[in-house]
């Protein structure tokens, strides 16, 4: 396998991993019926600082997740 093909393959695998994490988090939220809103960003609260890292993983609905998955996959692959 030549170098450009390896780079594209590894980029696709990395992008798939990122999108998979989003889907796993949302599936966990759906199956356990736990609201993950506590992992969002809360301004003017120290607890809200965790949300800077975790908020991108939390989606409000399946439509929201799907509409973010495709562009994220494409841009992270590029």
N, C-alpha and C. Protein backbone atom coordinates (compact mmCIF):
# COMPACT_ATOMS: atom_id res chain seq x y z
N UNK A 1 0.87 -1.18 0.00
CA UNK A 1 0.00 0.00 0.00
C UNK A 1 0.91 1.24 0.00
N UNK A 2 0.64 2.18 -0.91
CA UNK A 2 1.50 3.36 -0.97
C UNK A 2 1.10 4.40 0.08
N UNK A 3 1.93 5.39 0.27
CA UNK A 3 1.78 6.37 1.36
C UNK A 3 0.47 7.17 1.29
N UNK A 4 0.07 7.71 0.14
CA UNK A 4 -1.19 8.48 0.12
C UNK A 4 -2.41 7.64 0.51
N UNK A 5 -2.45 6.39 0.07
CA UNK A 5 -3.58 5.53 0.40
C UNK A 5 -3.60 5.25 1.90
N UNK A 6 -2.43 5.05 2.50
CA UNK A 6 -2.35 4.82 3.94
C UNK A 6 -2.84 6.04 4.71
N UNK A 7 -2.48 7.23 4.23
CA UNK A 7 -2.91 8.46 4.90
C UNK A 7 -4.43 8.62 4.85
N UNK A 8 -5.00 8.36 3.70
CA UNK A 8 -6.45 8.48 3.54
C UNK A 8 -7.16 7.44 4.40
N UNK A 9 -6.64 6.22 4.40
CA UNK A 9 -7.23 5.15 5.20
C UNK A 9 -7.19 5.48 6.69
N UNK A 10 -6.06 5.98 7.16
CA UNK A 10 -5.96 6.32 8.58
C UNK A 10 -6.84 7.52 8.91
N UNK A 11 -6.99 8.47 7.99
CA UNK A 11 -7.87 9.61 8.23
C UNK A 11 -9.32 9.16 8.33
N UNK A 12 -9.73 8.24 7.48
CA UNK A 12 -11.10 7.72 7.52
C UNK A 12 -11.34 6.96 8.82
N UNK A 13 -10.37 6.15 9.23
CA UNK A 13 -10.52 5.40 10.49
C UNK A 13 -10.63 6.35 11.68
N UNK A 14 -9.80 7.39 11.70
CA UNK A 14 -9.84 8.37 12.79
C UNK A 14 -11.19 9.08 12.83
N UNK A 15 -11.67 9.49 11.67
CA UNK A 15 -12.96 10.18 11.59
C UNK A 15 -14.10 9.27 12.03
N UNK A 16 -14.03 8.02 11.62
CA UNK A 16 -15.06 7.05 12.03
C UNK A 16 -15.04 6.84 13.54
N UNK A 17 -13.87 6.85 14.13
CA UNK A 17 -13.75 6.71 15.58
C UNK A 17 -14.40 7.89 16.30
N UNK A 18 -14.14 9.09 15.83
CA UNK A 18 -14.73 10.28 16.45
C UNK A 18 -16.25 10.24 16.36
N UNK A 19 -16.77 9.96 15.18
CA UNK A 19 -18.23 9.91 14.99
C UNK A 19 -18.83 8.75 15.79
N UNK A 20 -18.12 7.65 15.90
CA UNK A 20 -18.61 6.51 16.69
C UNK A 20 -18.77 6.88 18.15
N UNK A 21 -17.84 7.65 18.68
CA UNK A 21 -17.94 8.09 20.07
C UNK A 21 -19.21 8.92 20.27
N UNK A 22 -19.51 9.80 19.34
CA UNK A 22 -20.74 10.60 19.44
C UNK A 22 -21.98 9.71 19.46
N UNK A 23 -21.99 8.72 18.58
CA UNK A 23 -23.14 7.81 18.51
C UNK A 23 -23.25 6.95 19.76
N UNK A 24 -22.14 6.51 20.30
CA UNK A 24 -22.16 5.69 21.52
C UNK A 24 -22.69 6.51 22.69
N UNK A 25 -22.25 7.75 22.81
CA UNK A 25 -22.74 8.61 23.89
C UNK A 25 -24.24 8.83 23.76
N UNK A 26 -24.70 9.09 22.54
CA UNK A 26 -26.14 9.34 22.35
C UNK A 26 -26.94 8.05 22.56
N UNK A 27 -26.43 6.93 22.13
CA UNK A 27 -27.10 5.66 22.35
C UNK A 27 -27.19 5.35 23.85
N UNK A 28 -26.13 5.64 24.58
CA UNK A 28 -26.15 5.47 26.04
C UNK A 28 -27.24 6.34 26.66
N UNK A 29 -27.29 7.60 26.21
CA UNK A 29 -28.32 8.53 26.70
C UNK A 29 -29.72 7.99 26.39
N UNK A 30 -29.90 7.46 25.19
CA UNK A 30 -31.21 6.96 24.76
C UNK A 30 -31.61 5.70 25.53
N UNK A 31 -30.69 4.77 25.71
CA UNK A 31 -31.01 3.50 26.36
C UNK A 31 -31.19 3.62 27.87
N UNK A 32 -30.43 4.50 28.50
CA UNK A 32 -30.52 4.64 29.95
C UNK A 32 -31.52 5.71 30.38
N UNK A 33 -32.00 6.49 29.42
CA UNK A 33 -32.92 7.60 29.68
C UNK A 33 -32.35 8.61 30.68
N UNK A 34 -31.02 8.69 30.74
CA UNK A 34 -30.37 9.67 31.61
C UNK A 34 -30.19 10.98 30.84
N UNK A 35 -30.60 12.06 31.45
CA UNK A 35 -30.34 13.35 30.79
C UNK A 35 -28.86 13.70 30.96
N UNK A 36 -28.22 14.02 29.89
CA UNK A 36 -26.80 14.37 29.95
C UNK A 36 -26.60 15.88 29.95
N UNK A 37 -27.63 16.60 30.29
CA UNK A 37 -27.53 18.06 30.29
C UNK A 37 -26.55 18.57 31.34
N UNK A 38 -26.25 17.77 32.33
CA UNK A 38 -25.28 18.20 33.34
C UNK A 38 -23.88 18.30 32.76
N UNK A 39 -23.67 17.73 31.59
CA UNK A 39 -22.37 17.79 30.94
C UNK A 39 -22.29 18.93 29.93
N UNK A 40 -23.26 19.82 29.97
CA UNK A 40 -23.24 20.99 29.11
C UNK A 40 -22.44 22.12 29.73
N UNK A 41 -22.40 23.23 29.05
CA UNK A 41 -21.67 24.40 29.54
C UNK A 41 -22.61 25.26 30.36
N UNK A 42 -22.21 25.57 31.57
CA UNK A 42 -22.98 26.44 32.45
C UNK A 42 -22.15 27.68 32.74
N UNK A 43 -22.56 28.83 32.21
CA UNK A 43 -21.77 30.04 32.44
C UNK A 43 -21.80 30.48 33.90
N UNK A 44 -20.70 31.05 34.32
CA UNK A 44 -20.54 31.62 35.67
C UNK A 44 -20.61 30.58 36.78
N UNK A 45 -20.35 29.32 36.44
CA UNK A 45 -20.31 28.25 37.44
C UNK A 45 -19.07 27.41 37.21
N UNK A 46 -18.37 27.08 38.27
CA UNK A 46 -17.17 26.26 38.14
C UNK A 46 -17.49 24.88 37.59
N UNK A 47 -18.66 24.34 37.96
CA UNK A 47 -19.06 23.03 37.45
C UNK A 47 -19.25 23.05 35.94
N UNK A 48 -19.55 24.19 35.39
CA UNK A 48 -19.78 24.32 33.96
C UNK A 48 -18.52 24.23 33.13
N UNK A 49 -17.35 24.31 33.75
CA UNK A 49 -16.10 24.22 33.00
C UNK A 49 -15.88 22.84 32.40
N UNK A 50 -16.40 21.82 33.03
CA UNK A 50 -16.30 20.46 32.48
C UNK A 50 -17.00 20.40 31.13
N UNK A 51 -18.05 21.18 30.97
CA UNK A 51 -18.81 21.19 29.73
C UNK A 51 -18.03 21.66 28.52
N UNK A 52 -16.93 22.38 28.73
CA UNK A 52 -16.11 22.80 27.60
C UNK A 52 -15.59 21.58 26.85
N UNK A 53 -15.28 20.53 27.59
CA UNK A 53 -14.79 19.29 26.98
C UNK A 53 -15.94 18.37 26.60
N UNK A 54 -16.96 18.25 27.44
CA UNK A 54 -18.00 17.24 27.24
C UNK A 54 -19.19 17.71 26.40
N UNK A 55 -19.44 18.98 26.30
CA UNK A 55 -20.62 19.47 25.58
C UNK A 55 -20.66 19.05 24.11
N UNK A 56 -19.54 19.00 23.39
CA UNK A 56 -19.62 18.54 21.99
C UNK A 56 -20.04 17.09 21.84
N UNK A 57 -19.98 16.31 22.90
CA UNK A 57 -20.37 14.91 22.82
C UNK A 57 -21.87 14.70 23.02
N UNK A 58 -22.54 15.70 23.58
CA UNK A 58 -23.96 15.58 23.93
C UNK A 58 -24.80 16.23 22.82
N UNK A 59 -25.79 15.47 22.33
CA UNK A 59 -26.69 15.98 21.30
C UNK A 59 -28.12 15.88 21.80
N UNK A 60 -28.95 16.80 21.35
CA UNK A 60 -30.32 16.89 21.84
C UNK A 60 -31.26 15.85 21.28
N UNK A 61 -31.03 15.42 20.05
CA UNK A 61 -31.95 14.47 19.42
C UNK A 61 -31.18 13.67 18.37
N UNK A 62 -31.88 12.66 17.83
CA UNK A 62 -31.27 11.86 16.77
C UNK A 62 -31.03 12.71 15.53
N UNK A 63 -31.96 13.61 15.23
CA UNK A 63 -31.80 14.48 14.06
C UNK A 63 -30.57 15.37 14.22
N UNK A 64 -30.39 15.89 15.43
CA UNK A 64 -29.24 16.73 15.73
C UNK A 64 -27.94 15.94 15.55
N UNK A 65 -27.93 14.72 16.04
CA UNK A 65 -26.74 13.87 15.92
C UNK A 65 -26.44 13.54 14.46
N UNK A 66 -27.46 13.18 13.71
CA UNK A 66 -27.26 12.83 12.30
C UNK A 66 -26.78 14.03 11.51
N UNK A 67 -27.38 15.19 11.76
CA UNK A 67 -26.99 16.38 11.00
C UNK A 67 -25.57 16.85 11.35
N UNK A 68 -25.05 16.46 12.49
CA UNK A 68 -23.68 16.81 12.85
C UNK A 68 -22.68 15.73 12.44
N UNK A 69 -23.13 14.50 12.31
CA UNK A 69 -22.21 13.39 12.03
C UNK A 69 -21.58 13.47 10.64
N UNK A 70 -22.38 13.74 9.65
CA UNK A 70 -21.87 13.76 8.28
C UNK A 70 -20.84 14.89 8.08
N UNK A 71 -21.15 16.12 8.43
CA UNK A 71 -20.13 17.17 8.25
C UNK A 71 -18.87 16.94 9.10
N UNK A 72 -19.06 16.41 10.32
CA UNK A 72 -17.89 16.13 11.16
C UNK A 72 -17.02 15.05 10.52
N UNK A 73 -17.64 14.01 9.99
CA UNK A 73 -16.88 12.94 9.34
C UNK A 73 -16.10 13.48 8.14
N UNK A 74 -16.76 14.27 7.33
CA UNK A 74 -16.12 14.79 6.12
C UNK A 74 -14.98 15.74 6.48
N UNK A 75 -15.24 16.69 7.36
CA UNK A 75 -14.20 17.68 7.69
C UNK A 75 -13.05 17.07 8.47
N UNK A 76 -13.32 16.11 9.32
CA UNK A 76 -12.21 15.50 10.06
C UNK A 76 -11.40 14.57 9.17
N UNK A 77 -12.01 14.01 8.14
CA UNK A 77 -11.27 13.20 7.17
C UNK A 77 -10.36 14.09 6.32
N UNK A 78 -10.89 15.23 5.93
CA UNK A 78 -10.09 16.16 5.11
C UNK A 78 -8.94 16.69 5.92
